[in-house]
């Protein structure tokens, strides 16, 4: 377990935290940190409550398409997200000194259909705003092809690294005296899971990781970023985990053995694993043991939230055989209606027959419905559902039916069982696997 001194500045706290994490990992301990990639209020509350219960710092990250200088799909700019998270922390009495904020996939992701000059200028502004807002862990991702790049073939490490140094320079200029830590990589899984269901993925080869690190080191040094290079704490690799619409590729330590053996020889960096959503606890345990010390999770958390809401709606229908005061929530119908009326966030991702797409809109592991949870109509439906559930005493038999994994824990609680508590317990059960 890591602790941070109450008076420490956020940047110094982050540097110390990750230096400790690296030192613990390199000494043979299976220490790791779970990176919560979400802007959902229920998820962030659950993460902070779990942090209070376990005594662990909480790492929360925002992605470039979620939060950027134009608002992103969350409608928040970097400074807005920081205020949003810190307001939750204050409301829950969660100590800010135990909160670490990171930026995920920061680069030209959102502007990849533009030429390098325009896309990278916007990406530099993005990174600068994140650092200025108080994000202290910066994942620089320049692996995506831009409009004037060759249409075929993998981008050379030299190009990826040069663009990363470009963005690191912008971050350093915006940070003043206190500097962030950086995460780099040239084999970065796309945000939010794979586009296609697959049976396997290609694990990063040791020689490719070596080439990546050398290309980035050279690019940083050529850009005069020698000191920043010393604050590169992790490199993103593909250790053989992925999920898609309806598939999960589980971690296999035998297949990843060569990568892991090489990574153990690296003195000053650990591995960062993306797309660890839906991995069994045993797989996560092995990943921590093998030096994958930063484990990112996002869609699995809002998937658990959506599961809880669907189960609460079924409870609502049983508790009220006749319409409650104010009416039913009709959550699942309203969610489907809003997805159909504005398909921009799911139509490129869900394929197949109309029936298969309908199934995916509700149950896909990619969980594209997370993009809609801040829709005012959907939020009103959730609020109605919560009011209806909280208006009655919940029978244990119903809790056992729809929240079976939580029922024994619910029996020991001294407080009233509410819809909010049930939602967050479902989310926490995902987070607990990462300890």
Protein backbone atom coordinates (compact mmCIF):
# COMPACT_ATOMS: atom_id res chain seq x y z
CA UNK A 1 0.00 0.00 0.00
CA UNK A 2 1.21 3.50 -0.80
CA UNK A 3 0.67 6.59 1.31
CA UNK A 4 1.20 10.23 0.52
CA UNK A 5 1.94 13.04 2.93
CA UNK A 6 -1.02 15.38 3.45
CA UNK A 7 0.85 18.56 2.59
CA UNK A 8 2.56 17.42 -0.59
CA UNK A 9 2.03 19.20 -3.88
CA UNK A 10 0.12 17.23 -6.50
CA UNK A 11 2.99 16.92 -8.97
CA UNK A 12 5.54 15.87 -6.34
CA UNK A 13 2.99 13.46 -4.87
CA UNK A 14 2.55 11.79 -8.24
CA UNK A 15 6.28 11.52 -8.91
CA UNK A 16 6.80 9.99 -5.47
CA UNK A 17 3.88 7.60 -5.89
CA UNK A 18 5.13 6.20 -9.18
CA UNK A 19 8.75 6.07 -8.05
CA UNK A 20 7.58 3.98 -5.10
CA UNK A 21 5.47 1.82 -7.40
CA UNK A 22 8.45 1.14 -9.67
CA UNK A 23 10.72 0.41 -6.71
CA UNK A 24 8.21 -2.03 -5.20
CA UNK A 25 7.71 -3.79 -8.53
CA UNK A 26 11.42 -4.10 -9.23
CA UNK A 27 11.96 -5.57 -5.76
CA UNK A 28 9.60 -8.41 -6.65
CA UNK A 29 6.34 -7.31 -5.05
CA UNK A 30 3.15 -7.60 -7.09
CA UNK A 31 2.12 -4.01 -6.37
CA UNK A 32 -0.06 -2.23 -8.93
CA UNK A 33 -2.52 0.62 -9.29
CA UNK A 34 -5.95 0.51 -10.90
CA UNK A 35 -6.56 3.36 -13.32
CA UNK A 36 -10.24 4.34 -13.41
CA UNK A 37 -11.01 5.72 -16.87
CA UNK A 38 -14.47 7.23 -16.56
CA UNK A 39 -16.33 10.50 -16.23
CA UNK A 40 -19.45 8.91 -14.76
CA UNK A 41 -20.42 10.26 -11.36
CA UNK A 42 -21.55 6.90 -9.95
CA UNK A 43 -18.28 5.31 -11.03
CA UNK A 44 -16.13 8.07 -9.56
CA UNK A 45 -18.06 8.00 -6.27
CA UNK A 46 -17.64 4.23 -6.08
CA UNK A 47 -13.90 4.53 -6.78
CA UNK A 48 -13.41 7.10 -4.03
CA UNK A 49 -15.53 5.18 -1.54
CA UNK A 50 -13.48 2.08 -2.35
CA UNK A 51 -10.31 4.13 -1.87
CA UNK A 52 -11.49 5.24 1.57
CA UNK A 53 -12.40 1.68 2.55
CA UNK A 54 -9.07 0.23 1.39
CA UNK A 55 -6.80 3.15 2.33
CA UNK A 56 -5.44 3.33 -1.22
CA UNK A 57 -4.84 6.34 -3.47
CA UNK A 58 -7.27 6.60 -6.38
CA UNK A 59 -6.03 7.17 -9.92
CA UNK A 60 -8.69 8.66 -12.22
CA UNK A 61 -8.01 9.30 -15.90
CA UNK A 62 -9.86 11.20 -18.60
CA UNK A 63 -9.43 10.35 -22.28
CA UNK A 64 -8.85 12.75 -25.15
CA UNK A 65 -12.23 12.09 -26.77
CA UNK A 66 -14.02 12.34 -23.44
CA UNK A 67 -12.45 15.58 -22.17
CA UNK A 68 -10.67 18.08 -24.42
CA UNK A 69 -10.41 21.80 -25.20
CA UNK A 70 -13.69 21.60 -27.17
CA UNK A 71 -15.60 19.76 -24.44
CA UNK A 72 -15.37 16.17 -25.72
CA UNK A 73 -18.34 13.84 -25.47
CA UNK A 74 -18.65 14.59 -21.75
CA UNK A 75 -19.01 18.32 -22.41
CA UNK A 76 -16.06 19.01 -20.11
CA UNK A 77 -12.77 20.76 -20.75
CA UNK A 78 -9.77 19.63 -18.66
CA UNK A 79 -10.28 22.24 -15.94
CA UNK A 80 -13.98 21.32 -15.77
CA UNK A 81 -13.15 17.66 -15.23
CA UNK A 82 -10.73 18.52 -12.42
CA UNK A 83 -13.41 20.62 -10.71
CA UNK A 84 -15.97 17.84 -11.24
CA UNK A 85 -13.75 15.20 -9.64
CA UNK A 86 -12.62 17.40 -6.75
CA UNK A 87 -16.22 18.38 -5.97
CA UNK A 88 -17.07 14.68 -5.66
CA UNK A 89 -14.03 14.19 -3.42
CA UNK A 90 -15.12 17.03 -1.14
CA UNK A 91 -18.68 15.73 -0.96
CA UNK A 92 -17.43 12.27 0.04
CA UNK A 93 -14.72 13.64 2.35
CA UNK A 94 -12.12 11.86 0.25
CA UNK A 95 -8.68 13.43 0.80
CA UNK A 96 -7.44 15.28 -2.28
CA UNK A 97 -3.88 14.28 -1.43
CA UNK A 98 -4.90 10.68 -2.16
CA UNK A 99 -6.27 11.58 -5.58
CA UNK A 100 -4.14 11.31 -8.74
CA UNK A 101 -5.48 12.64 -12.05
CA UNK A 102 -4.24 11.37 -15.39
CA UNK A 103 -4.80 12.09 -19.06
CA UNK A 104 -5.25 9.01 -21.27
CA UNK A 105 -4.51 8.74 -25.01
CA UNK A 106 -3.51 12.39 -25.16
CA UNK A 107 -2.53 13.14 -28.72
CA UNK A 108 -4.16 13.68 -32.11
CA UNK A 109 -6.73 10.91 -31.59
CA UNK A 110 -9.74 13.19 -32.07
CA UNK A 111 -8.20 14.93 -35.10
CA UNK A 112 -6.67 11.96 -36.92
CA UNK A 113 -8.51 12.89 -40.13
CA UNK A 114 -6.42 16.10 -40.32
CA UNK A 115 -2.86 16.62 -41.54
CA UNK A 116 -0.01 16.47 -39.06
CA UNK A 117 0.49 20.22 -38.69
CA UNK A 118 -3.14 20.89 -37.75
CA UNK A 119 -3.74 17.70 -35.76
CA UNK A 120 -0.57 18.06 -33.71
CA UNK A 121 -1.17 21.74 -32.97
CA UNK A 122 -4.55 20.80 -31.50
CA UNK A 123 -2.99 17.89 -29.63
CA UNK A 124 -0.35 20.21 -28.16
CA UNK A 125 -3.08 22.54 -26.92
CA UNK A 126 -4.90 19.54 -25.46
CA UNK A 127 -1.86 18.34 -23.52
CA UNK A 128 -1.05 21.84 -22.31
CA UNK A 129 -4.58 22.34 -20.97
CA UNK A 130 -4.46 19.01 -19.14
CA UNK A 131 -1.21 19.92 -17.40
CA UNK A 132 -2.38 23.44 -16.59
CA UNK A 133 -5.60 22.03 -15.10
CA UNK A 134 -3.66 19.82 -12.68
CA UNK A 135 -3.39 16.41 -14.36
CA UNK A 136 -0.10 14.90 -13.22
CA UNK A 137 0.08 11.59 -15.12
CA UNK A 138 0.18 12.10 -18.87
CA UNK A 139 -0.15 9.24 -21.34
CA UNK A 140 1.09 10.56 -24.68
CA UNK A 141 -0.43 8.57 -27.55
CA UNK A 142 0.72 9.42 -31.07
CA UNK A 143 0.26 5.97 -32.56
CA UNK A 144 -2.69 6.87 -34.81
CA UNK A 145 -2.28 7.54 -38.53
CA UNK A 146 -2.91 11.15 -39.63
CA UNK A 147 -4.32 12.37 -42.95
CA UNK A 148 -0.94 12.95 -44.60
CA UNK A 149 0.62 9.69 -43.36
CA UNK A 150 1.04 6.71 -45.71
CA UNK A 151 -2.21 4.75 -45.97
CA UNK A 152 -0.60 1.36 -45.46
CA UNK A 153 2.04 -0.08 -43.18
CA UNK A 154 2.72 0.59 -39.51
CA UNK A 155 3.86 4.08 -38.53
CA UNK A 156 7.61 4.01 -37.85
CA UNK A 157 8.66 4.27 -34.23
CA UNK A 158 10.68 7.35 -35.19
CA UNK A 159 7.53 9.19 -36.30
CA UNK A 160 5.53 8.14 -33.25
CA UNK A 161 8.39 9.16 -30.96
CA UNK A 162 9.01 12.50 -32.69
CA UNK A 163 5.36 13.45 -32.30
CA UNK A 164 5.38 12.30 -28.67
CA UNK A 165 8.40 14.53 -27.95
CA UNK A 166 6.50 17.40 -29.61
CA UNK A 167 3.65 16.94 -27.13
CA UNK A 168 5.94 16.36 -24.16
CA UNK A 169 7.65 19.67 -24.93
CA UNK A 170 4.25 21.40 -24.86
CA UNK A 171 3.44 19.74 -21.54
CA UNK A 172 6.76 20.72 -19.99
CA UNK A 173 6.32 24.34 -21.07
CA UNK A 174 2.87 24.45 -19.44
CA UNK A 175 3.88 22.79 -16.19
CA UNK A 176 6.13 25.44 -14.69
CA UNK A 177 8.51 24.11 -12.03
CA UNK A 178 6.40 21.07 -11.09
CA UNK A 179 6.41 18.49 -13.86
CA UNK A 180 4.15 15.50 -14.56
CA UNK A 181 5.13 11.89 -15.10
CA UNK A 182 4.74 10.37 -18.56
CA UNK A 183 3.57 7.12 -20.10
CA UNK A 184 4.69 6.32 -23.64
CA UNK A 185 4.39 3.49 -26.15
CA UNK A 186 4.09 2.61 -29.82
CA UNK A 187 1.79 -0.44 -29.53
CA UNK A 188 -1.21 1.13 -27.83
CA UNK A 189 -4.61 -0.62 -27.94
CA UNK A 190 -7.35 1.70 -29.17
CA UNK A 191 -9.53 3.30 -26.48
CA UNK A 192 -12.71 1.49 -25.50
CA UNK A 193 -11.87 -1.99 -26.74
CA UNK A 194 -11.34 -3.60 -30.13
CA UNK A 195 -13.58 -2.90 -33.12
CA UNK A 196 -13.90 -6.61 -34.02
CA UNK A 197 -14.42 -9.76 -31.98
CA UNK A 198 -11.13 -11.66 -32.03
CA UNK A 199 -9.73 -14.92 -30.69
CA UNK A 200 -6.22 -13.61 -30.10
CA UNK A 201 -4.01 -10.53 -30.27
CA UNK A 202 -0.33 -10.14 -31.07
CA UNK A 203 1.70 -9.70 -27.92
CA UNK A 204 4.40 -7.03 -27.97
CA UNK A 205 7.75 -8.59 -28.85
CA UNK A 206 10.73 -7.79 -26.60
CA UNK A 207 12.71 -6.47 -29.57
CA UNK A 208 9.82 -4.14 -30.48
CA UNK A 209 9.64 -2.81 -26.93
CA UNK A 210 13.40 -2.26 -26.97
CA UNK A 211 13.10 -0.41 -30.30
CA UNK A 212 10.25 1.72 -28.94
CA UNK A 213 12.17 2.77 -25.86
CA UNK A 214 15.27 3.63 -27.88
CA UNK A 215 13.26 5.67 -30.42
CA UNK A 216 11.52 7.64 -27.67
CA UNK A 217 14.76 8.17 -25.73
CA UNK A 218 16.44 9.50 -28.85
CA UNK A 219 13.52 11.78 -29.77
CA UNK A 220 13.24 13.18 -26.24
CA UNK A 221 16.97 13.86 -26.03
CA UNK A 222 17.08 15.48 -29.46
CA UNK A 223 14.25 17.77 -28.32
CA UNK A 224 16.19 18.72 -25.18
CA UNK A 225 13.81 16.79 -22.93
CA UNK A 226 16.50 14.96 -20.93
CA UNK A 227 14.89 15.72 -17.58
CA UNK A 228 11.42 14.80 -18.82
CA UNK A 229 12.76 11.44 -20.02
CA UNK A 230 13.69 10.66 -16.41
CA UNK A 231 9.99 11.05 -15.53
CA UNK A 232 8.80 8.43 -18.01
CA UNK A 233 7.39 5.89 -15.54
CA UNK A 234 5.65 3.37 -17.79
CA UNK A 235 5.35 2.08 -21.31
CA UNK A 236 2.12 0.77 -22.83
CA UNK A 237 2.39 -2.70 -24.31
CA UNK A 238 0.02 -5.35 -25.61
CA UNK A 239 0.40 -8.20 -23.08
CA UNK A 240 -2.30 -10.26 -24.75
CA UNK A 241 -5.54 -8.88 -23.27
CA UNK A 242 -8.42 -7.34 -25.16
CA UNK A 243 -12.18 -7.20 -25.28
CA UNK A 244 -14.66 -6.35 -27.99
CA UNK A 245 -18.40 -6.32 -28.56
CA UNK A 246 -18.90 -9.94 -27.49
CA UNK A 247 -15.46 -11.40 -26.73
CA UNK A 248 -12.79 -11.35 -24.02
CA UNK A 249 -9.17 -12.38 -24.58
CA UNK A 250 -7.76 -13.41 -21.22
CA UNK A 251 -4.20 -12.90 -20.05
CA UNK A 252 -1.95 -15.90 -20.62
CA UNK A 253 1.36 -15.62 -18.70
CA UNK A 254 2.94 -18.35 -20.80
CA UNK A 255 2.33 -16.45 -24.04
CA UNK A 256 3.51 -13.19 -22.45
CA UNK A 257 6.61 -14.72 -20.84
CA UNK A 258 9.21 -13.30 -23.25
CA UNK A 259 7.79 -9.79 -22.96
CA UNK A 260 7.63 -10.03 -19.17
CA UNK A 261 11.18 -11.35 -18.87
CA UNK A 262 12.50 -8.44 -20.94
CA UNK A 263 10.42 -5.88 -19.03
CA UNK A 264 11.88 -7.11 -15.73
CA UNK A 265 15.31 -6.07 -17.00
CA UNK A 266 14.19 -2.45 -17.31
CA UNK A 267 15.28 -0.47 -14.26
CA UNK A 268 13.12 2.62 -14.28
CA UNK A 269 9.82 1.83 -15.98
CA UNK A 270 6.92 -0.54 -15.48
CA UNK A 271 4.32 -1.78 -17.94
CA UNK A 272 0.90 -0.19 -18.39
CA UNK A 273 -1.89 -2.51 -19.52
CA UNK A 274 -4.92 -1.17 -21.38
CA UNK A 275 -8.22 -2.94 -22.05
CA UNK A 276 -8.00 -5.00 -18.86
CA UNK A 277 -11.80 -4.76 -18.53
CA UNK A 278 -13.60 -8.06 -17.83
CA UNK A 279 -10.40 -9.93 -16.95
CA UNK A 280 -10.99 -12.51 -14.19
CA UNK A 281 -9.44 -11.74 -10.83
CA UNK A 282 -6.92 -14.58 -11.28
CA UNK A 283 -5.73 -13.01 -14.54
CA UNK A 284 -5.38 -9.58 -12.93
CA UNK A 285 -3.39 -11.15 -10.09
CA UNK A 286 -1.00 -12.70 -12.62
CA UNK A 287 -0.67 -9.41 -14.52
CA UNK A 288 0.32 -7.60 -11.32
CA UNK A 289 2.77 -10.37 -10.48
CA UNK A 290 4.28 -10.08 -13.96
CA UNK A 291 5.00 -6.36 -13.66
CA UNK A 292 1.98 -4.87 -15.40
CA UNK A 293 1.73 -2.29 -12.67
CA UNK A 294 -0.85 0.12 -14.14
CA UNK A 295 -4.12 -1.61 -15.00
CA UNK A 296 -6.67 0.48 -16.86
CA UNK A 297 -10.41 -0.17 -16.64
CA UNK A 298 -13.34 1.86 -17.96
CA UNK A 299 -16.18 0.23 -19.93
CA UNK A 300 -16.42 -2.65 -17.42
CA UNK A 301 -17.33 -0.11 -14.73
CA UNK A 302 -20.16 1.51 -16.66
CA UNK A 303 -21.22 -1.97 -17.83
CA UNK A 304 -21.66 -2.86 -14.14
CA UNK A 305 -23.60 0.38 -13.65
CA UNK A 306 -25.90 -0.45 -16.56
CA UNK A 307 -26.40 -3.98 -15.18
CA UNK A 308 -27.43 -2.52 -11.83
CA UNK A 309 -29.87 -0.10 -13.46
CA UNK A 310 -31.49 -2.89 -15.47
CA UNK A 311 -31.84 -4.99 -12.31
CA UNK A 312 -33.27 -2.06 -10.35
CA UNK A 313 -35.82 -1.54 -13.12
CA UNK A 314 -36.91 -5.20 -12.83
CA UNK A 315 -37.23 -4.70 -9.07
CA UNK A 316 -39.25 -1.54 -9.68
CA UNK A 317 -41.76 -3.46 -11.82
CA UNK A 318 -42.17 -6.12 -9.11
CA UNK A 319 -42.41 -3.64 -6.24
CA UNK A 320 -45.07 -1.65 -8.10
CA UNK A 321 -47.53 -3.96 -9.87
CA UNK A 322 -49.51 -0.78 -10.46
CA UNK A 323 -47.88 2.47 -11.50
CA UNK A 324 -46.12 4.31 -8.65
CA UNK A 325 -46.75 7.98 -7.95
CA UNK A 326 -45.08 9.84 -10.78
CA UNK A 327 -44.96 6.74 -13.00
CA UNK A 328 -42.41 4.08 -13.85
CA UNK A 329 -38.89 4.97 -14.88
CA UNK A 330 -39.01 3.02 -18.18
CA UNK A 331 -35.23 3.20 -18.04
CA UNK A 332 -34.37 0.48 -20.57
CA UNK A 333 -36.91 1.77 -23.09
CA UNK A 334 -35.76 5.35 -22.70
CA UNK A 335 -32.11 4.31 -23.05
CA UNK A 336 -32.89 2.43 -26.25
CA UNK A 337 -34.91 5.35 -27.58
CA UNK A 338 -32.10 7.83 -27.03
CA UNK A 339 -29.53 5.53 -28.62
CA UNK A 340 -31.77 5.12 -31.67
CA UNK A 341 -32.49 8.83 -31.98
CA UNK A 342 -28.76 9.71 -31.85
CA UNK A 343 -26.72 6.73 -33.13
CA UNK A 344 -23.45 8.63 -33.56
CA UNK A 345 -21.65 6.88 -30.68
CA UNK A 346 -22.59 3.29 -31.53
CA UNK A 347 -23.49 2.81 -35.21
CA UNK A 348 -19.87 2.42 -36.40
CA UNK A 349 -19.16 -0.15 -33.71
CA UNK A 350 -22.16 -2.49 -33.69
CA UNK A 351 -22.55 -4.74 -36.70
CA UNK A 352 -24.85 -7.53 -37.80
CA UNK A 353 -28.59 -7.95 -38.16
CA UNK A 354 -31.11 -5.55 -36.59
CA UNK A 355 -31.59 -8.09 -33.80
CA UNK A 356 -27.83 -8.31 -33.17
CA UNK A 357 -27.50 -4.54 -33.06
CA UNK A 358 -30.43 -4.28 -30.65
CA UNK A 359 -28.74 -6.81 -28.37
CA UNK A 360 -25.44 -4.90 -28.57
CA UNK A 361 -27.04 -1.57 -27.67
CA UNK A 362 -27.99 -3.04 -24.30
CA UNK A 363 -25.44 -5.75 -23.60
CA UNK A 364 -22.26 -5.17 -25.65
CA UNK A 365 -19.05 -5.36 -23.64
CA UNK A 366 -17.93 -2.26 -25.53
CA UNK A 367 -20.70 -0.52 -23.58
CA UNK A 368 -21.32 2.30 -26.00
CA UNK A 369 -24.36 3.31 -23.96
CA UNK A 370 -21.91 4.91 -21.49
CA UNK A 371 -21.73 7.84 -23.91
CA UNK A 372 -25.42 8.54 -23.29
CA UNK A 373 -25.71 8.41 -19.51
CA UNK A 374 -25.45 12.21 -19.18
CA UNK A 375 -28.32 12.73 -21.63
CA UNK A 376 -30.94 14.81 -19.73
CA UNK A 377 -33.79 12.46 -20.62
CA UNK A 378 -31.83 9.39 -19.51
CA UNK A 379 -30.69 11.14 -16.33
CA UNK A 380 -34.31 11.99 -15.51
CA UNK A 381 -35.26 8.35 -16.00
CA UNK A 382 -32.46 7.20 -13.68
CA UNK A 383 -33.55 9.76 -11.07
CA UNK A 384 -37.14 8.48 -11.31
CA UNK A 385 -35.95 4.88 -10.93
CA UNK A 386 -33.91 5.75 -7.85
CA UNK A 387 -36.83 7.62 -6.26
CA UNK A 388 -39.16 4.69 -6.85
CA UNK A 389 -36.73 2.17 -5.36
CA UNK A 390 -35.89 4.35 -2.37
CA UNK A 391 -39.56 4.99 -1.55
CA UNK A 392 -40.04 1.45 -0.21
CA UNK A 393 -38.29 -1.00 2.10
CA UNK A 394 -36.49 -3.50 -0.12
CA UNK A 395 -37.27 -7.16 0.68
CA UNK A 396 -34.18 -9.32 1.10
CA UNK A 397 -35.60 -11.92 -1.26
CA UNK A 398 -35.65 -9.36 -4.05
CA UNK A 399 -32.13 -8.19 -3.24
CA UNK A 400 -30.97 -11.80 -3.29
CA UNK A 401 -32.60 -12.36 -6.68
CA UNK A 402 -31.12 -9.34 -8.46
CA UNK A 403 -27.96 -8.59 -6.44
CA UNK A 404 -26.84 -12.11 -5.43
CA UNK A 405 -23.12 -11.33 -5.36
CA UNK A 406 -23.71 -8.47 -2.94
CA UNK A 407 -26.42 -10.01 -0.73
CA UNK A 408 -24.22 -11.28 2.11
CA UNK A 409 -22.48 -7.93 2.35
CA UNK A 410 -25.86 -6.17 2.35
CA UNK A 411 -26.95 -8.26 5.36
CA UNK A 412 -24.16 -6.80 7.49
CA UNK A 413 -24.82 -3.17 6.61
CA UNK A 414 -26.30 -0.98 9.33
CA UNK A 415 -27.60 1.64 6.91
CA UNK A 416 -30.71 1.68 4.73
CA UNK A 417 -30.24 -0.19 1.46
CA UNK A 418 -30.78 2.35 -1.30
CA UNK A 419 -30.62 2.28 -5.08
CA UNK A 420 -27.45 4.37 -5.01
CA UNK A 421 -25.79 1.95 -2.61
CA UNK A 422 -26.72 -1.04 -4.79
CA UNK A 423 -25.37 0.65 -7.92
CA UNK A 424 -22.07 1.52 -6.30
CA UNK A 425 -21.63 -1.89 -4.68
CA UNK A 426 -21.96 -3.48 -8.12
CA UNK A 427 -19.28 -1.11 -9.46
CA UNK A 428 -17.01 -1.66 -6.44
CA UNK A 429 -17.06 -5.40 -7.02
CA UNK A 430 -15.31 -4.72 -10.35
CA UNK A 431 -12.77 -2.43 -8.66
CA UNK A 432 -12.05 -4.91 -5.85
CA UNK A 433 -10.66 -7.40 -8.36
CA UNK A 434 -7.84 -4.96 -9.07
CA UNK A 435 -6.48 -4.92 -5.52
